[in-house]
Protein backbone atom coordinates (compact mmCIF):
# COMPACT_ATOMS: atom_id res chain seq x y z
CA UNK A 1 0.00 0.00 0.00
CA UNK A 2 1.33 3.46 -0.93
CA UNK A 3 2.31 5.74 1.93
CA UNK A 4 0.66 9.15 2.29
CA UNK A 5 3.95 10.82 1.25
CA UNK A 6 4.14 8.73 -1.94
CA UNK A 7 0.54 9.63 -2.80
CA UNK A 8 1.29 13.33 -2.33
CA UNK A 9 4.36 13.10 -4.58
CA UNK A 10 2.38 11.30 -7.29
CA UNK A 11 -0.52 13.72 -7.11
CA UNK A 12 1.73 16.78 -7.40
CA UNK A 13 3.61 15.50 -10.46
CA UNK A 14 2.04 15.47 -13.95
CA UNK A 15 1.59 12.05 -15.54
CA UNK A 16 4.08 12.98 -18.27
CA UNK A 17 6.76 14.03 -15.74
CA UNK A 18 10.01 12.12 -15.29
CA UNK A 19 11.91 12.79 -12.09
CA UNK A 20 15.28 11.48 -10.94
CA UNK A 21 14.84 9.26 -7.85
CA UNK A 22 16.64 10.37 -4.69
CA UNK A 23 17.56 13.93 -5.73
CA UNK A 24 16.28 17.05 -7.42
CA UNK A 25 15.90 16.78 -11.20
CA UNK A 26 18.26 19.03 -13.18
CA UNK A 27 18.10 20.33 -16.79
CA UNK A 28 21.07 18.08 -17.66
CA UNK A 29 18.96 15.01 -16.75
CA UNK A 30 16.61 15.58 -19.68
CA UNK A 31 17.04 13.65 -22.94
CA UNK A 32 16.97 15.15 -26.45
CA UNK A 33 13.20 14.61 -26.78
CA UNK A 34 12.46 16.12 -23.35
CA UNK A 35 12.65 19.58 -21.80
CA UNK A 36 13.13 20.76 -18.23
CA UNK A 37 10.23 22.18 -16.21
CA UNK A 38 11.21 23.95 -12.98
CA UNK A 39 9.31 23.92 -9.67
CA UNK A 40 5.99 25.78 -9.77
CA UNK A 41 2.60 26.03 -8.14
CA UNK A 42 -0.67 24.82 -9.63
CA UNK A 43 -4.20 25.07 -8.28
CA UNK A 44 -3.84 21.42 -7.24
CA UNK A 45 -0.60 22.08 -5.29
CA UNK A 46 3.17 22.34 -5.83
CA UNK A 47 4.79 20.67 -8.84
CA UNK A 48 8.40 19.51 -8.48
CA UNK A 49 11.04 20.08 -11.15
CA UNK A 50 10.95 17.35 -13.80
CA UNK A 51 11.82 16.39 -17.36
CA UNK A 52 8.88 16.36 -19.72
CA UNK A 53 8.49 14.81 -23.17
CA UNK A 54 8.40 17.53 -25.83
CA UNK A 55 4.92 18.35 -27.06
CA UNK A 56 3.95 18.18 -30.72
CA UNK A 57 5.53 21.22 -32.40
CA UNK A 58 7.78 21.98 -29.41
CA UNK A 59 10.81 22.92 -31.54
CA UNK A 60 8.70 25.32 -33.60
CA UNK A 61 6.75 26.97 -30.76
CA UNK A 62 9.16 27.02 -27.82
CA UNK A 63 11.51 29.70 -29.27
CA UNK A 64 8.47 31.91 -29.89
CA UNK A 65 7.56 32.06 -26.17
CA UNK A 66 9.43 35.24 -25.28
CA UNK A 67 10.15 37.29 -22.14
CA UNK A 68 9.69 41.06 -21.73
CA UNK A 69 7.47 43.27 -23.92
CA UNK A 70 7.00 42.88 -27.67
CA UNK A 71 9.08 45.46 -29.54
CA UNK A 72 7.12 48.64 -30.33
CA UNK A 73 4.03 47.39 -28.48
CA UNK A 74 1.57 50.31 -28.78
CA UNK A 75 -0.24 50.01 -25.41
CA UNK A 76 2.17 51.76 -23.08
CA UNK A 77 0.49 51.00 -19.73
CA UNK A 78 0.70 47.24 -20.25
CA UNK A 79 3.62 45.80 -18.32
CA UNK A 80 5.53 42.60 -19.02
CA UNK A 81 4.98 39.72 -16.62
CA UNK A 82 7.36 36.83 -16.02
CA UNK A 83 6.23 33.49 -17.44
CA UNK A 84 5.23 30.96 -14.80
CA UNK A 85 6.56 27.49 -15.78
CA UNK A 86 3.05 26.06 -15.53
CA UNK A 87 1.68 28.76 -17.86
CA UNK A 88 4.45 28.10 -20.36
CA UNK A 89 3.57 24.38 -20.37
CA UNK A 90 -0.13 25.19 -20.74
CA UNK A 91 0.66 27.30 -23.82
CA UNK A 92 2.82 24.53 -25.33
CA UNK A 93 0.06 21.98 -24.61
CA UNK A 94 -2.51 24.18 -26.34
CA UNK A 95 -0.25 24.90 -29.33
CA UNK A 96 0.39 21.15 -29.73
CA UNK A 97 -3.27 20.85 -30.81
CA UNK A 98 -3.23 23.76 -33.27
CA UNK A 99 -3.56 22.71 -36.95
CA UNK A 100 -0.43 23.14 -39.10
CA UNK A 101 -2.17 25.84 -41.17
CA UNK A 102 -1.70 28.15 -38.18
CA UNK A 103 1.98 27.35 -37.58
CA UNK A 104 2.91 30.79 -38.86
CA UNK A 105 6.48 31.77 -39.64
CA UNK A 106 5.31 35.40 -39.50
CA UNK A 107 4.61 35.03 -35.77
CA UNK A 108 7.66 36.46 -34.03
CA UNK A 109 6.72 35.93 -30.41
CA UNK A 110 4.16 35.05 -27.74
CA UNK A 111 4.44 37.25 -24.64
CA UNK A 112 3.01 37.41 -21.10
CA UNK A 113 1.74 40.79 -19.93
CA UNK A 114 -0.53 42.51 -17.43
CA UNK A 115 -3.69 43.77 -19.09
CA UNK A 116 -4.69 47.43 -19.24
CA UNK A 117 -7.52 48.58 -16.99
CA UNK A 118 -10.86 48.43 -18.73
CA UNK A 119 -9.89 45.75 -21.24
CA UNK A 120 -11.74 42.44 -20.95
CA UNK A 121 -9.98 40.43 -23.65
CA UNK A 122 -7.78 37.44 -22.82
CA UNK A 123 -5.16 38.30 -25.44
CA UNK A 124 -4.11 40.86 -28.05
CA UNK A 125 -2.04 40.62 -31.21
CA UNK A 126 -0.35 42.79 -33.81
CA UNK A 127 2.92 43.22 -35.64
CA UNK A 128 3.63 39.48 -35.56
CA UNK A 129 3.24 39.30 -31.76
CA UNK A 130 0.65 37.71 -29.46
CA UNK A 131 0.24 38.91 -25.87
CA UNK A 132 -1.52 36.74 -23.26
CA UNK A 133 -3.12 38.26 -20.14
CA UNK A 134 -4.01 36.67 -16.79
CA UNK A 135 -7.57 35.79 -17.81
CA UNK A 136 -6.27 33.56 -20.64
CA UNK A 137 -5.11 31.15 -17.92
CA UNK A 138 -8.31 31.06 -15.87
CA UNK A 139 -9.80 27.61 -15.44
CA UNK A 140 -12.96 28.68 -17.28
CA UNK A 141 -10.97 29.67 -20.38
CA UNK A 142 -9.98 27.40 -23.25
CA UNK A 143 -6.41 28.48 -24.02
CA UNK A 144 -6.52 26.68 -27.37
CA UNK A 145 -9.45 28.85 -28.43
CA UNK A 146 -7.68 32.04 -27.31
CA UNK A 147 -4.54 31.15 -29.28
CA UNK A 148 -6.44 30.06 -32.41
CA UNK A 149 -8.35 33.37 -32.33
CA UNK A 150 -5.13 35.42 -32.22
CA UNK A 151 -3.34 33.21 -34.76
CA UNK A 152 -6.29 33.64 -37.12
CA UNK A 153 -5.84 37.44 -36.84
CA UNK A 154 -2.18 37.00 -37.75
CA UNK A 155 -3.04 34.64 -40.62
CA UNK A 156 -5.49 37.19 -42.02
CA UNK A 157 -2.83 39.92 -41.90
CA UNK A 158 -0.48 37.81 -44.03
CA UNK A 159 -3.03 37.07 -46.79
CA UNK A 160 -2.59 38.62 -50.21
CA UNK A 161 -5.01 41.42 -51.09
CA UNK A 162 -6.92 39.09 -53.42
CA UNK A 163 -7.22 36.34 -50.78
CA UNK A 164 -8.27 38.89 -48.18
CA UNK A 165 -11.00 40.26 -50.45
CA UNK A 166 -12.22 36.74 -51.25
CA UNK A 167 -12.35 35.91 -47.54
CA UNK A 168 -14.24 39.11 -46.73
CA UNK A 169 -16.90 38.46 -49.37
CA UNK A 170 -17.16 34.72 -48.63
CA UNK A 171 -17.85 35.40 -44.94
CA UNK A 172 -20.71 37.78 -45.65
CA UNK A 173 -19.02 41.17 -45.32
CA UNK A 174 -19.60 43.89 -47.91
CA UNK A 175 -17.26 46.40 -49.56
CA UNK A 176 -18.72 49.79 -50.45
CA UNK A 177 -17.73 51.89 -53.48
CA UNK A 178 -15.06 53.66 -51.42
CA UNK A 179 -13.42 50.35 -50.51
CA UNK A 180 -14.63 50.43 -46.91
CA UNK A 181 -15.50 47.04 -45.44
CA UNK A 182 -18.70 46.77 -43.41
CA UNK A 183 -20.97 44.05 -42.07
CA UNK A 184 -24.71 43.90 -42.77
CA UNK A 185 -25.25 41.83 -39.62
CA UNK A 186 -26.57 43.53 -36.48
CA UNK A 187 -25.85 40.75 -33.98
CA UNK A 188 -24.58 37.32 -33.14
CA UNK A 189 -20.78 37.65 -33.37
CA UNK A 190 -18.55 35.01 -31.77
CA UNK A 191 -16.30 37.72 -30.28
CA UNK A 192 -17.19 41.36 -29.58
CA UNK A 193 -14.43 42.60 -31.94
CA UNK A 194 -15.97 40.58 -34.78
CA UNK A 195 -18.38 43.46 -35.32
CA UNK A 196 -15.54 45.84 -36.20
CA UNK A 197 -13.46 43.86 -38.65
CA UNK A 198 -13.59 40.59 -40.63
CA UNK A 199 -10.19 39.53 -39.31
């Protein structure tokens, strides 16, 4: 029968974790298809440092998870926030399920920031950067959905003018004689910003 201590250790370590028995796990203990995850807290309790098998797309996405602020980020009162190891893993887990069509070379970085007062969105994007705010990591939020939404914005920005026009018309938007895009719909948008722009 497992001791209480053994049960606590098992419950605080993810199923995909590999720890070194008898001592703390170090980055040098991880194999080529693993990466090191340092100690961190989760809602279920503390998680000890461990080696974890690389997620699908790890080599593509991991270098894009960046510290600090995005260069030339236009919202000045938003401050950078250090990545928590658990948040970083949650992002990599979510990105592992993203279809290859959204593995965008134009995406230069994914950043962690504190949101401006008055903003309710979970994330923002622009200039090849995605910024994630605290609410993106709430247990009621689907991080995959947040990331797909921002990646779709980025994908739209990289379309040719012809492809962009075709997309706009195919999705029910209209273009007036001055070239201004508008929507004939008065309601029922998936996201509040869907009313402003087709991207």
